[in-house]
Amino acid sequence: MDKATLVGIDLEAGRDLLNLLDQAKFKVTAAAWIHLPEFSDWRLWIASPVYDSVVSPKEPVIRDLRRRFGKADWFVEGTRIGGHMIGDRFIEDGYVYKIKR
């Protein structure tokens, strides 16, 4: 089955949600749209130490993203990831909003 396409409206909706979380002072350590081979759709992953059931910062994918990009001195938003293992999962495709160490 072909994967769904991530389109501009999805990117804007994710960015709007992150802006609302920032305004609410909800701590987000990582946020990215991720497409895994086992799902037919994209999933917005938001990691927060405040609420573990969103996605835990201890999740291997998030830990590896933070290790790889957390100290980047360049703008992370818009970075495309995919086509290789990140943490313990094969990431087919992805779009990063933010990664904090």
PDB file of N, CA and C in Angstrom:
ATOM      1  N   MET A   1       0.837  -1.173   0.000  1.00  0.00           N
ATOM      2  CA  MET A   1       0.000   0.000   0.000  1.00  0.00           C
ATOM      3  C   MET A   1       0.883   1.238   0.000  1.00  0.00           C
ATOM      4  N   ASP A   2       0.530   2.220  -0.796  1.00  0.00           N
ATOM      5  CA  ASP A   2       1.271   3.469  -0.822  1.00  0.00           C
ATOM      6  C   ASP A   2       1.034   4.242   0.465  1.00  0.00           C
ATOM      7  N   LYS A   3       2.058   4.974   0.878  1.00  0.00           N
ATOM      8  CA  LYS A   3       1.890   5.774   2.087  1.00  0.00           C
ATOM      9  C   LYS A   3       1.140   7.059   1.751  1.00  0.00           C
ATOM     10  N   ALA A   4       0.442   7.580   2.747  1.00  0.00           N
ATOM     11  CA  ALA A   4      -0.256   8.849   2.598  1.00  0.00           C
ATOM     12  C   ALA A   4       0.766   9.965   2.449  1.00  0.00           C
ATOM     13  N   THR A   5       0.385  11.018   1.782  1.00  0.00           N
ATOM     14  CA  THR A   5       1.267  12.161   1.578  1.00  0.00           C
ATOM     15  C   THR A   5       1.074  13.172   2.701  1.00  0.00           C
ATOM     16  N   LEU A   6       2.183  13.666   3.223  1.00  0.00           N
ATOM     17  CA  LEU A   6       2.139  14.731   4.219  1.00  0.00           C
ATOM     18  C   LEU A   6       2.029  16.036   3.462  1.00  0.00           C
ATOM     19  N   VAL A   7       0.945  16.776   3.686  1.00  0.00           N
ATOM     20  CA  VAL A   7       0.700  17.997   2.927  1.00  0.00           C
ATOM     21  C   VAL A   7       0.787  19.228   3.815  1.00  0.00           C
ATOM     22  N   GLY A   8       0.791  20.389   3.166  1.00  0.00           N
ATOM     23  CA  GLY A   8       0.948  21.660   3.864  1.00  0.00           C
ATOM     24  C   GLY A   8      -0.030  21.878   4.995  1.00  0.00           C
ATOM     25  N   ILE A   9      -1.286  21.466   4.805  1.00  0.00           N
ATOM     26  CA  ILE A   9      -2.282  21.676   5.861  1.00  0.00           C
ATOM     27  C   ILE A   9      -1.930  20.871   7.110  1.00  0.00           C
ATOM     28  N   ASP A  10      -1.334  19.677   6.927  1.00  0.00           N
ATOM     29  CA  ASP A  10      -0.881  18.883   8.069  1.00  0.00           C
ATOM     30  C   ASP A  10       0.259  19.586   8.790  1.00  0.00           C
ATOM     31  N   LEU A  11       1.207  20.113   8.014  1.00  0.00           N
ATOM     32  CA  LEU A  11       2.352  20.817   8.594  1.00  0.00           C
ATOM     33  C   LEU A  11       1.894  22.042   9.368  1.00  0.00           C
ATOM     34  N   GLU A  12       0.939  22.786   8.807  1.00  0.00           N
ATOM     35  CA  GLU A  12       0.412  23.979   9.485  1.00  0.00           C
ATOM     36  C   GLU A  12      -0.334  23.594  10.760  1.00  0.00           C
ATOM     37  N   ALA A  13      -1.135  22.533  10.710  1.00  0.00           N
ATOM     38  CA  ALA A  13      -1.888  22.099  11.888  1.00  0.00           C
ATOM     39  C   ALA A  13      -0.935  21.693  13.006  1.00  0.00           C
ATOM     40  N   GLY A  14       0.123  20.984  12.665  1.00  0.00           N
ATOM     41  CA  GLY A  14       1.120  20.607  13.664  1.00  0.00           C
ATOM     42  C   GLY A  14       1.798  21.820  14.264  1.00  0.00           C
ATOM     43  N   ARG A  15       2.163  22.769  13.415  1.00  0.00           N
ATOM     44  CA  ARG A  15       2.810  23.996  13.882  1.00  0.00           C
ATOM     45  C   ARG A  15       1.858  24.795  14.778  1.00  0.00           C
ATOM     46  N   ASP A  16       0.576  24.871  14.403  1.00  0.00           N
ATOM     47  CA  ASP A  16      -0.414  25.574  15.226  1.00  0.00           C
ATOM     48  C   ASP A  16      -0.570  24.919  16.597  1.00  0.00           C
ATOM     49  N   LEU A  17      -0.609  23.590  16.617  1.00  0.00           N
ATOM     50  CA  LEU A  17      -0.717  22.873  17.883  1.00  0.00           C
ATOM     51  C   LEU A  17       0.495  23.152  18.768  1.00  0.00           C
ATOM     52  N   LEU A  18       1.685  23.128  18.181  1.00  0.00           N
ATOM     53  CA  LEU A  18       2.897  23.411  18.962  1.00  0.00           C
ATOM     54  C   LEU A  18       2.900  24.842  19.491  1.00  0.00           C
ATOM     55  N   ASN A  19       2.415  25.782  18.700  1.00  0.00           N
ATOM     56  CA  ASN A  19       2.310  27.169  19.175  1.00  0.00           C
ATOM     57  C   ASN A  19       1.357  27.264  20.368  1.00  0.00           C
ATOM     58  N   LEU A  20       0.224  26.553  20.308  1.00  0.00           N
ATOM     59  CA  LEU A  20      -0.720  26.552  21.430  1.00  0.00           C
ATOM     60  C   LEU A  20      -0.094  25.929  22.678  1.00  0.00           C
ATOM     61  N   LEU A  21       0.648  24.855  22.496  1.00  0.00           N
ATOM     62  CA  LEU A  21       1.325  24.229  23.636  1.00  0.00           C
ATOM     63  C   LEU A  21       2.370  25.162  24.230  1.00  0.00           C
ATOM     64  N   ASP A  22       3.108  25.873  23.377  1.00  0.00           N
ATOM     65  CA  ASP A  22       4.085  26.855  23.864  1.00  0.00           C
ATOM     66  C   ASP A  22       3.392  27.951  24.659  1.00  0.00           C
ATOM     67  N   GLN A  23       2.271  28.465  24.148  1.00  0.00           N
ATOM     68  CA  GLN A  23       1.523  29.517  24.842  1.00  0.00           C
ATOM     69  C   GLN A  23       1.007  29.037  26.192  1.00  0.00           C
ATOM     70  N   ALA A  24       0.665  27.759  26.277  1.00  0.00           N
ATOM     71  CA  ALA A  24       0.175  27.181  27.524  1.00  0.00           C
ATOM     72  C   ALA A  24       1.313  26.776  28.462  1.00  0.00           C
ATOM     73  N   LYS A  25       2.567  27.049  28.028  1.00  0.00           N
ATOM     74  CA  LYS A  25       3.759  26.703  28.818  1.00  0.00           C
ATOM     75  C   LYS A  25       3.878  25.191  29.040  1.00  0.00           C
ATOM     76  N   PHE A  26       3.378  24.410  28.073  1.00  0.00           N
ATOM     77  CA  PHE A  26       3.491  22.955  28.111  1.00  0.00           C
ATOM     78  C   PHE A  26       4.830  22.575  27.507  1.00  0.00           C
ATOM     79  N   LYS A  27       5.682  21.939  28.296  1.00  0.00           N
ATOM     80  CA  LYS A  27       7.039  21.635  27.858  1.00  0.00           C
ATOM     81  C   LYS A  27       7.045  20.523  26.802  1.00  0.00           C
ATOM     82  N   VAL A  28       7.583  20.843  25.639  1.00  0.00           N
ATOM     83  CA  VAL A  28       7.738  19.882  24.548  1.00  0.00           C
ATOM     84  C   VAL A  28       9.229  19.743  24.266  1.00  0.00           C
ATOM     85  N   THR A  29       9.731  18.510  24.337  1.00  0.00           N
ATOM     86  CA  THR A  29      11.153  18.293  24.077  1.00  0.00           C
ATOM     87  C   THR A  29      11.425  17.873  22.640  1.00  0.00           C
ATOM     88  N   ALA A  30      10.412  17.322  21.984  1.00  0.00           N
ATOM     89  CA  ALA A  30      10.575  16.929  20.579  1.00  0.00           C
ATOM     90  C   ALA A  30       9.214  16.839  19.925  1.00  0.00           C
ATOM     91  N   ALA A  31       9.168  17.200  18.647  1.00  0.00           N
ATOM     92  CA  ALA A  31       7.918  17.098  17.894  1.00  0.00           C
ATOM     93  C   ALA A  31       8.251  16.842  16.430  1.00  0.00           C
ATOM     94  N   ALA A  32       7.599  15.840  15.861  1.00  0.00           N
ATOM     95  CA  ALA A  32       7.863  15.495  14.466  1.00  0.00           C
ATOM     96  C   ALA A  32       6.705  14.677  13.909  1.00  0.00           C
ATOM     97  N   TRP A  33       6.426  14.876  12.637  1.00  0.00           N
ATOM     98  CA  TRP A  33       5.556  13.965  11.905  1.00  0.00           C
ATOM     99  C   TRP A  33       6.424  12.777  11.535  1.00  0.00           C
ATOM    100  N   ILE A  34       5.942  11.564  11.809  1.00  0.00           N
ATOM    101  CA  ILE A  34       6.719  10.363  11.511  1.00  0.00           C
ATOM    102  C   ILE A  34       5.831   9.350  10.804  1.00  0.00           C
ATOM    103  N   HIS A  35       6.392   8.758   9.762  1.00  0.00           N
ATOM    104  CA  HIS A  35       5.689   7.686   9.047  1.00  0.00           C
ATOM    105  C   HIS A  35       6.487   6.406   9.211  1.00  0.00           C
ATOM    106  N   LEU A  36       5.870   5.416   9.860  1.00  0.00           N
ATOM    107  CA  LEU A  36       6.481   4.115  10.066  1.00  0.00           C
ATOM    108  C   LEU A  36       5.876   3.125   9.074  1.00  0.00           C
ATOM    109  N   PRO A  37       6.643   2.158   8.614  1.00  0.00           N
ATOM    110  CA  PRO A  37       6.129   1.204   7.623  1.00  0.00           C
ATOM    111  C   PRO A  37       4.881   0.447   8.071  1.00  0.00           C
ATOM    112  N   GLU A  38       4.715   0.232   9.380  1.00  0.00           N
ATOM    113  CA  GLU A  38       3.564  -0.541   9.841  1.00  0.00           C
ATOM    114  C   GLU A  38       2.252   0.240   9.866  1.00  0.00           C
ATOM    115  N   PHE A  39       2.308   1.547   9.630  1.00  0.00           N
ATOM    116  CA  PHE A  39       1.098   2.364   9.599  1.00  0.00           C
ATOM    117  C   PHE A  39       0.897   2.940   8.198  1.00  0.00           C
ATOM    118  N   SER A  40      -0.353   3.120   7.805  1.00  0.00           N
ATOM    119  CA  SER A  40      -0.620   3.681   6.479  1.00  0.00           C
ATOM    120  C   SER A  40      -0.720   5.201   6.515  1.00  0.00           C
ATOM    121  N   ASP A  41      -0.659   5.773   7.717  1.00  0.00           N
ATOM    122  CA  ASP A  41      -0.780   7.221   7.825  1.00  0.00           C
ATOM    123  C   ASP A  41       0.374   7.807   8.635  1.00  0.00           C
ATOM    124  N   TRP A  42       0.454   9.115   8.606  1.00  0.00           N
ATOM    125  CA  TRP A  42       1.467   9.846   9.365  1.00  0.00           C
ATOM    126  C   TRP A  42       0.980   9.995  10.800  1.00  0.00           C
ATOM    127  N   ARG A  43       1.927  10.041  11.734  1.00  0.00           N
ATOM    128  CA  ARG A  43       1.618  10.259  13.150  1.00  0.00           C
ATOM    129  C   ARG A  43       2.418  11.453  13.642  1.00  0.00           C
ATOM    130  N   LEU A  44       1.747  12.360  14.342  1.00  0.00           N
ATOM    131  CA  LEU A  44       2.441  13.499  14.950  1.00  0.00           C
ATOM    132  C   LEU A  44       2.912  13.054  16.325  1.00  0.00           C
ATOM    133  N   TRP A  45       4.225  12.949  16.487  1.00  0.00           N
ATOM    134  CA  TRP A  45       4.825  12.546  17.750  1.00  0.00           C
ATOM    135  C   TRP A  45       5.222  13.803  18.513  1.00  0.00           C
ATOM    136  N   ILE A  46       4.725  13.921  19.728  1.00  0.00           N
ATOM    137  CA  ILE A  46       5.087  15.033  20.602  1.00  0.00           C
ATOM    138  C   ILE A  46       5.602  14.423  21.893  1.00  0.00           C
ATOM    139  N   ALA A  47       6.851  14.708  22.224  1.00  0.00           N
ATOM    140  CA  ALA A  47       7.455  14.171  23.446  1.00  0.00           C
ATOM    141  C   ALA A  47       7.472  15.256  24.512  1.00  0.00           C
ATOM    142  N   SER A  48       7.093  14.853  25.718  1.00  0.00           N
ATOM    143  CA  SER A  48       7.071  15.790  26.834  1.00  0.00           C
ATOM    144  C   SER A  48       7.368  15.050  28.130  1.00  0.00           C
ATOM    145  N   PRO A  49       8.216  15.637  28.970  1.00  0.00           N
ATOM    146  CA  PRO A  49       8.454  15.022  30.277  1.00  0.00           C
ATOM    147  C   PRO A  49       7.267  15.221  31.214  1.00  0.00           C
ATOM    148  N   VAL A  50       6.351  16.099  30.836  1.00  0.00           N
ATOM    149  CA  VAL A  50       5.206  16.422  31.682  1.00  0.00           C
ATOM    150  C   VAL A  50       4.153  15.315  31.633  1.00  0.00           C
ATOM    151  N   TYR A  51       3.956  14.745  30.464  1.00  0.00           N
ATOM    152  CA  TYR A  51       2.864  13.793  30.269  1.00  0.00           C
ATOM    153  C   TYR A  51       3.369  12.640  29.428  1.00  0.00           C
ATOM    154  N   ASP A  52       3.731  11.536  30.097  1.00  0.00           N
ATOM    155  CA  ASP A  52       4.405  10.414  29.449  1.00  0.00           C
ATOM    156  C   ASP A  52       3.582   9.720  28.369  1.00  0.00           C
ATOM    157  N   SER A  53       2.234   9.810  28.403  1.00  0.00           N
ATOM    158  CA  SER A  53       1.459   9.044  27.414  1.00  0.00           C
ATOM    159  C   SER A  53       1.341   9.743  26.075  1.00  0.00           C
ATOM    160  N   VAL A  54       1.801  11.001  25.944  1.00  0.00           N
ATOM    161  CA  VAL A  54       1.852  11.626  24.619  1.00  0.00           C
ATOM    162  C   VAL A  54       2.870  10.812  23.841  1.00  0.00           C
ATOM    163  N   VAL A  55       4.114  10.988  24.063  1.00  0.00           N
ATOM    164  CA  VAL A  55       5.209  10.092  23.701  1.00  0.00           C
ATOM    165  C   VAL A  55       6.285  10.381  24.735  1.00  0.00           C
ATOM    166  N   SER A  56       6.748   9.362  25.360  1.00  0.00           N
ATOM    167  CA  SER A  56       7.749   9.541  26.407  1.00  0.00           C
ATOM    168  C   SER A  56       9.072  10.019  25.820  1.00  0.00           C
ATOM    169  N   PRO A  57       9.754  10.948  26.509  1.00  0.00           N
ATOM    170  CA  PRO A  57      11.098  11.325  26.088  1.00  0.00           C
ATOM    171  C   PRO A  57      12.056  10.135  26.147  1.00  0.00           C
ATOM    172  N   LYS A  58      11.639   9.060  26.843  1.00  0.00           N
ATOM    173  CA  LYS A  58      12.461   7.854  26.932  1.00  0.00           C
ATOM    174  C   LYS A  58      12.242   6.909  25.751  1.00  0.00           C
ATOM    175  N   GLU A  59      11.248   7.174  24.925  1.00  0.00           N
ATOM    176  CA  GLU A  59      10.991   6.381  23.717  1.00  0.00           C
ATOM    177  C   GLU A  59      12.265   6.370  22.879  1.00  0.00           C
ATOM    178  N   PRO A  60      12.749   5.194  22.451  1.00  0.00           N
ATOM    179  CA  PRO A  60      14.019   5.117  21.731  1.00  0.00           C
ATOM    180  C   PRO A  60      14.127   6.028  20.499  1.00  0.00           C
ATOM    181  N   VAL A  61      13.049   6.211  19.759  1.00  0.00           N
ATOM    182  CA  VAL A  61      13.097   7.102  18.588  1.00  0.00           C
ATOM    183  C   VAL A  61      13.370   8.536  19.037  1.00  0.00           C
ATOM    184  N   ILE A  62      12.667   8.979  20.076  1.00  0.00           N
ATOM    185  CA  ILE A  62      12.847  10.346  20.584  1.00  0.00           C
ATOM    186  C   ILE A  62      14.244  10.511  21.168  1.00  0.00           C
ATOM    187  N   ARG A  63      14.706   9.547  21.926  1.00  0.00           N
ATOM    188  CA  ARG A  63      16.054   9.640  22.506  1.00  0.00           C
ATOM    189  C   ARG A  63      17.116   9.760  21.421  1.00  0.00           C
ATOM    190  N   ASP A  64      16.972   8.969  20.357  1.00  0.00           N
ATOM    191  CA  ASP A  64      17.953   9.023  19.273  1.00  0.00           C
ATOM    192  C   ASP A  64      17.863  10.348  18.518  1.00  0.00           C
ATOM    193  N   LEU A  65      16.646  10.838  18.279  1.00  0.00           N
ATOM    194  CA  LEU A  65      16.506  12.152  17.625  1.00  0.00           C
ATOM    195  C   LEU A  65      17.152  13.247  18.476  1.00  0.00           C
ATOM    196  N   ARG A  66      16.929  13.203  19.786  1.00  0.00           N
ATOM    197  CA  ARG A  66      17.516  14.209  20.666  1.00  0.00           C
ATOM    198  C   ARG A  66      19.034  14.097  20.687  1.00  0.00           C
ATOM    199  N   ARG A  67      19.540  12.869  20.636  1.00  0.00           N
ATOM    200  CA  ARG A  67      20.994  12.672  20.611  1.00  0.00           C
ATOM    201  C   ARG A  67      21.577  13.223  19.314  1.00  0.00           C
ATOM    202  N   ARG A  68      20.912  12.974  18.198  1.00  0.00           N
ATOM    203  CA  ARG A  68      21.428  13.397  16.897  1.00  0.00           C
ATOM    204  C   ARG A  68      21.258  14.890  16.627  1.00  0.00           C
ATOM    205  N   PHE A  69      20.118  15.453  17.035  1.00  0.00           N
ATOM    206  CA  PHE A  69      19.796  16.826  16.646  1.00  0.00           C
ATOM    207  C   PHE A  69      19.710  17.816  17.806  1.00  0.00           C
ATOM    208  N   GLY A  70      19.731  17.329  19.042  1.00  0.00           N
ATOM    209  CA  GLY A  70      19.514  18.188  20.204  1.00  0.00           C
ATOM    210  C   GLY A  70      20.512  19.310  20.382  1.00  0.00           C
ATOM    211  N   LYS A  71      21.730  19.138  19.909  1.00  0.00           N
ATOM    212  CA  LYS A  71      22.747  20.177  20.057  1.00  0.00           C
ATOM    213  C   LYS A  71      23.027  20.895  18.741  1.00  0.00           C
ATOM    214  N   ALA A  72      22.166  20.691  17.770  1.00  0.00           N
ATOM    215  CA  ALA A  72      22.370  21.324  16.459  1.00  0.00           C
ATOM    216  C   ALA A  72      22.375  22.834  16.616  1.00  0.00           C
ATOM    217  N   ASP A  73      23.324  23.482  15.981  1.00  0.00           N
ATOM    218  CA  ASP A  73      23.375  24.942  16.038  1.00  0.00           C
ATOM    219  C   ASP A  73      22.745  25.542  14.785  1.00  0.00           C
ATOM    220  N   TRP A  74      21.945  24.756  14.090  1.00  0.00           N
ATOM    221  CA  TRP A  74      21.214  25.231  12.934  1.00  0.00           C
ATOM    222  C   TRP A  74      19.739  24.981  13.177  1.00  0.00           C
ATOM    223  N   PHE A  75      18.915  25.628  12.435  1.00  0.00           N
ATOM    224  CA  PHE A  75      17.472  25.558  12.594  1.00  0.00           C
ATOM    225  C   PHE A  75      16.979  24.161  12.234  1.00  0.00           C
ATOM    226  N   VAL A  76      16.319  23.474  13.164  1.00  0.00           N
ATOM    227  CA  VAL A  76      15.910  22.089  12.977  1.00  0.00           C
ATOM    228  C   VAL A  76      14.593  21.967  12.216  1.00  0.00           C
ATOM    229  N   GLU A  77      13.646  22.918  12.415  1.00  0.00           N
ATOM    230  CA  GLU A  77      12.337  22.776  11.779  1.00  0.00           C
ATOM    231  C   GLU A  77      12.472  22.628  10.271  1.00  0.00           C
ATOM    232  N   GLY A  78      11.754  21.645   9.760  1.00  0.00           N
ATOM    233  CA  GLY A  78      11.783  21.389   8.329  1.00  0.00           C
ATOM    234  C   GLY A  78      12.769  20.303   7.932  1.00  0.00           C
ATOM    235  N   THR A  79      13.576  19.851   8.877  1.00  0.00           N
ATOM    236  CA  THR A  79      14.516  18.781   8.575  1.00  0.00           C
ATOM    237  C   THR A  79      13.727  17.513   8.260  1.00  0.00           C
ATOM    238  N   ARG A  80      14.037  16.912   7.132  1.00  0.00           N
ATOM    239  CA  ARG A  80      13.401  15.645   6.751  1.00  0.00           C
ATOM    240  C   ARG A  80      14.260  14.502   7.251  1.00  0.00           C
ATOM    241  N   ILE A  81      13.625  13.521   7.820  1.00  0.00           N
ATOM    242  CA  ILE A  81      14.315  12.325   8.289  1.00  0.00           C
ATOM    243  C   ILE A  81      13.638  11.124   7.650  1.00  0.00           C
ATOM    244  N   GLY A  82      14.354  10.074   7.493  1.00  0.00           N
ATOM    245  CA  GLY A  82      13.725   8.865   6.987  1.00  0.00           C
ATOM    246  C   GLY A  82      14.668   8.027   6.151  1.00  0.00           C
ATOM    247  N   GLY A  83      14.212   6.811   5.911  1.00  0.00           N
ATOM    248  CA  GLY A  83      14.991   5.889   5.111  1.00  0.00           C
ATOM    249  C   GLY A  83      16.047   5.133   5.894  1.00  0.00           C
ATOM    250  N   HIS A  84      16.004   5.216   7.238  1.00  0.00           N
ATOM    251  CA  HIS A  84      16.988   4.501   8.047  1.00  0.00           C
ATOM    252  C   HIS A  84      16.468   4.297   9.473  1.00  0.00           C
ATOM    253  N   MET A  85      17.223   3.572  10.247  1.00  0.00           N
ATOM    254  CA  MET A  85      16.850   3.308  11.636  1.00  0.00           C
ATOM    255  C   MET A  85      17.095   4.548  12.487  1.00  0.00           C
ATOM    256  N   ILE A  86      16.121   4.875  13.309  1.00  0.00           N
ATOM    257  CA  ILE A  86      16.265   5.904  14.337  1.00  0.00           C
ATOM    258  C   ILE A  86      15.753   5.252  15.609  1.00  0.00           C
ATOM    259  N   GLY A  87      16.611   5.190  16.598  1.00  0.00           N
ATOM    260  CA  GLY A  87      16.257   4.432  17.794  1.00  0.00           C
ATOM    261  C   GLY A  87      16.121   2.976  17.419  1.00  0.00           C
ATOM    262  N   ASP A  88      14.999   2.397  17.786  1.00  0.00           N
ATOM    263  CA  ASP A  88      14.780   0.979  17.491  1.00  0.00           C
ATOM    264  C   ASP A  88      13.779   0.749  16.360  1.00  0.00           C
ATOM    265  N   ARG A  89      13.485   1.807  15.572  1.00  0.00           N
ATOM    266  CA  ARG A  89      12.471   1.714  14.521  1.00  0.00           C
ATOM    267  C   ARG A  89      13.026   2.168  13.183  1.00  0.00           C
ATOM    268  N   PHE A  90      12.524   1.560  12.117  1.00  0.00           N
ATOM    269  CA  PHE A  90      12.835   2.052  10.786  1.00  0.00           C
ATOM    270  C   PHE A  90      11.863   3.180  10.486  1.00  0.00           C
ATOM    271  N   ILE A  91      12.394   4.374  10.249  1.00  0.00           N
ATOM    272  CA  ILE A  91      11.569   5.533   9.931  1.00  0.00           C
ATOM    273  C   ILE A  91      11.519   5.654   8.416  1.00  0.00           C
ATOM    274  N   GLU A  92      10.336   5.451   7.871  1.00  0.00           N
ATOM    275  CA  GLU A  92      10.175   5.530   6.426  1.00  0.00           C
ATOM    276  C   GLU A  92      10.332   6.971   5.941  1.00  0.00           C
ATOM    277  N   ASP A  93       9.739   7.902   6.680  1.00  0.00           N
ATOM    278  CA  ASP A  93       9.821   9.313   6.329  1.00  0.00           C
ATOM    279  C   ASP A  93       9.464  10.119   7.564  1.00  0.00           C
ATOM    280  N   GLY A  94       9.878  11.384   7.599  1.00  0.00           N
ATOM    281  CA  GLY A  94       9.553  12.220   8.741  1.00  0.00           C
ATOM    282  C   GLY A  94       9.853  13.683   8.482  1.00  0.00           C
ATOM    283  N   TYR A  95       9.207  14.533   9.269  1.00  0.00           N
ATOM    284  CA  TYR A  95       9.378  15.982   9.207  1.00  0.00           C
ATOM    285  C   TYR A  95       9.522  16.477  10.637  1.00  0.00           C
ATOM    286  N   VAL A  96      10.644  17.100  10.960  1.00  0.00           N
ATOM    287  CA  VAL A  96      10.925  17.536  12.336  1.00  0.00           C
ATOM    288  C   VAL A  96      10.503  18.991  12.534  1.00  0.00           C
ATOM    289  N   TYR A  97       9.796  19.247  13.641  1.00  0.00           N
ATOM    290  CA  TYR A  97       9.489  20.615  14.058  1.00  0.00           C
ATOM    291  C   TYR A  97      10.543  21.126  15.036  1.00  0.00           C
ATOM    292  N   LYS A  98      10.763  20.351  16.088  1.00  0.00           N
ATOM    293  CA  LYS A  98      11.720  20.792  17.106  1.00  0.00           C
ATOM    294  C   LYS A  98      12.301  19.585  17.812  1.00  0.00           C
ATOM    295  N   ILE A  99      13.534  19.754  18.241  1.00  0.00           N
ATOM    296  CA  ILE A  99      14.236  18.773  19.053  1.00  0.00           C
ATOM    297  C   ILE A  99      15.032  19.559  20.089  1.00  0.00           C
ATOM    298  N   LYS A 100      14.767  19.312  21.362  1.00  0.00           N
ATOM    299  CA  LYS A 100      15.536  19.956  22.423  1.00  0.00           C
ATOM    300  C   LYS A 100      16.315  18.894  23.166  1.00  0.00           C
ATOM    301  N   ARG A 101      17.476  19.242  23.590  1.00  0.00           N
ATOM    302  CA  ARG A 101      18.328  18.334  24.348  1.00  0.00           C
ATOM    303  C   ARG A 101      17.751  18.087  25.699  1.00  0.00           C
TER     304      ARG A 101
END
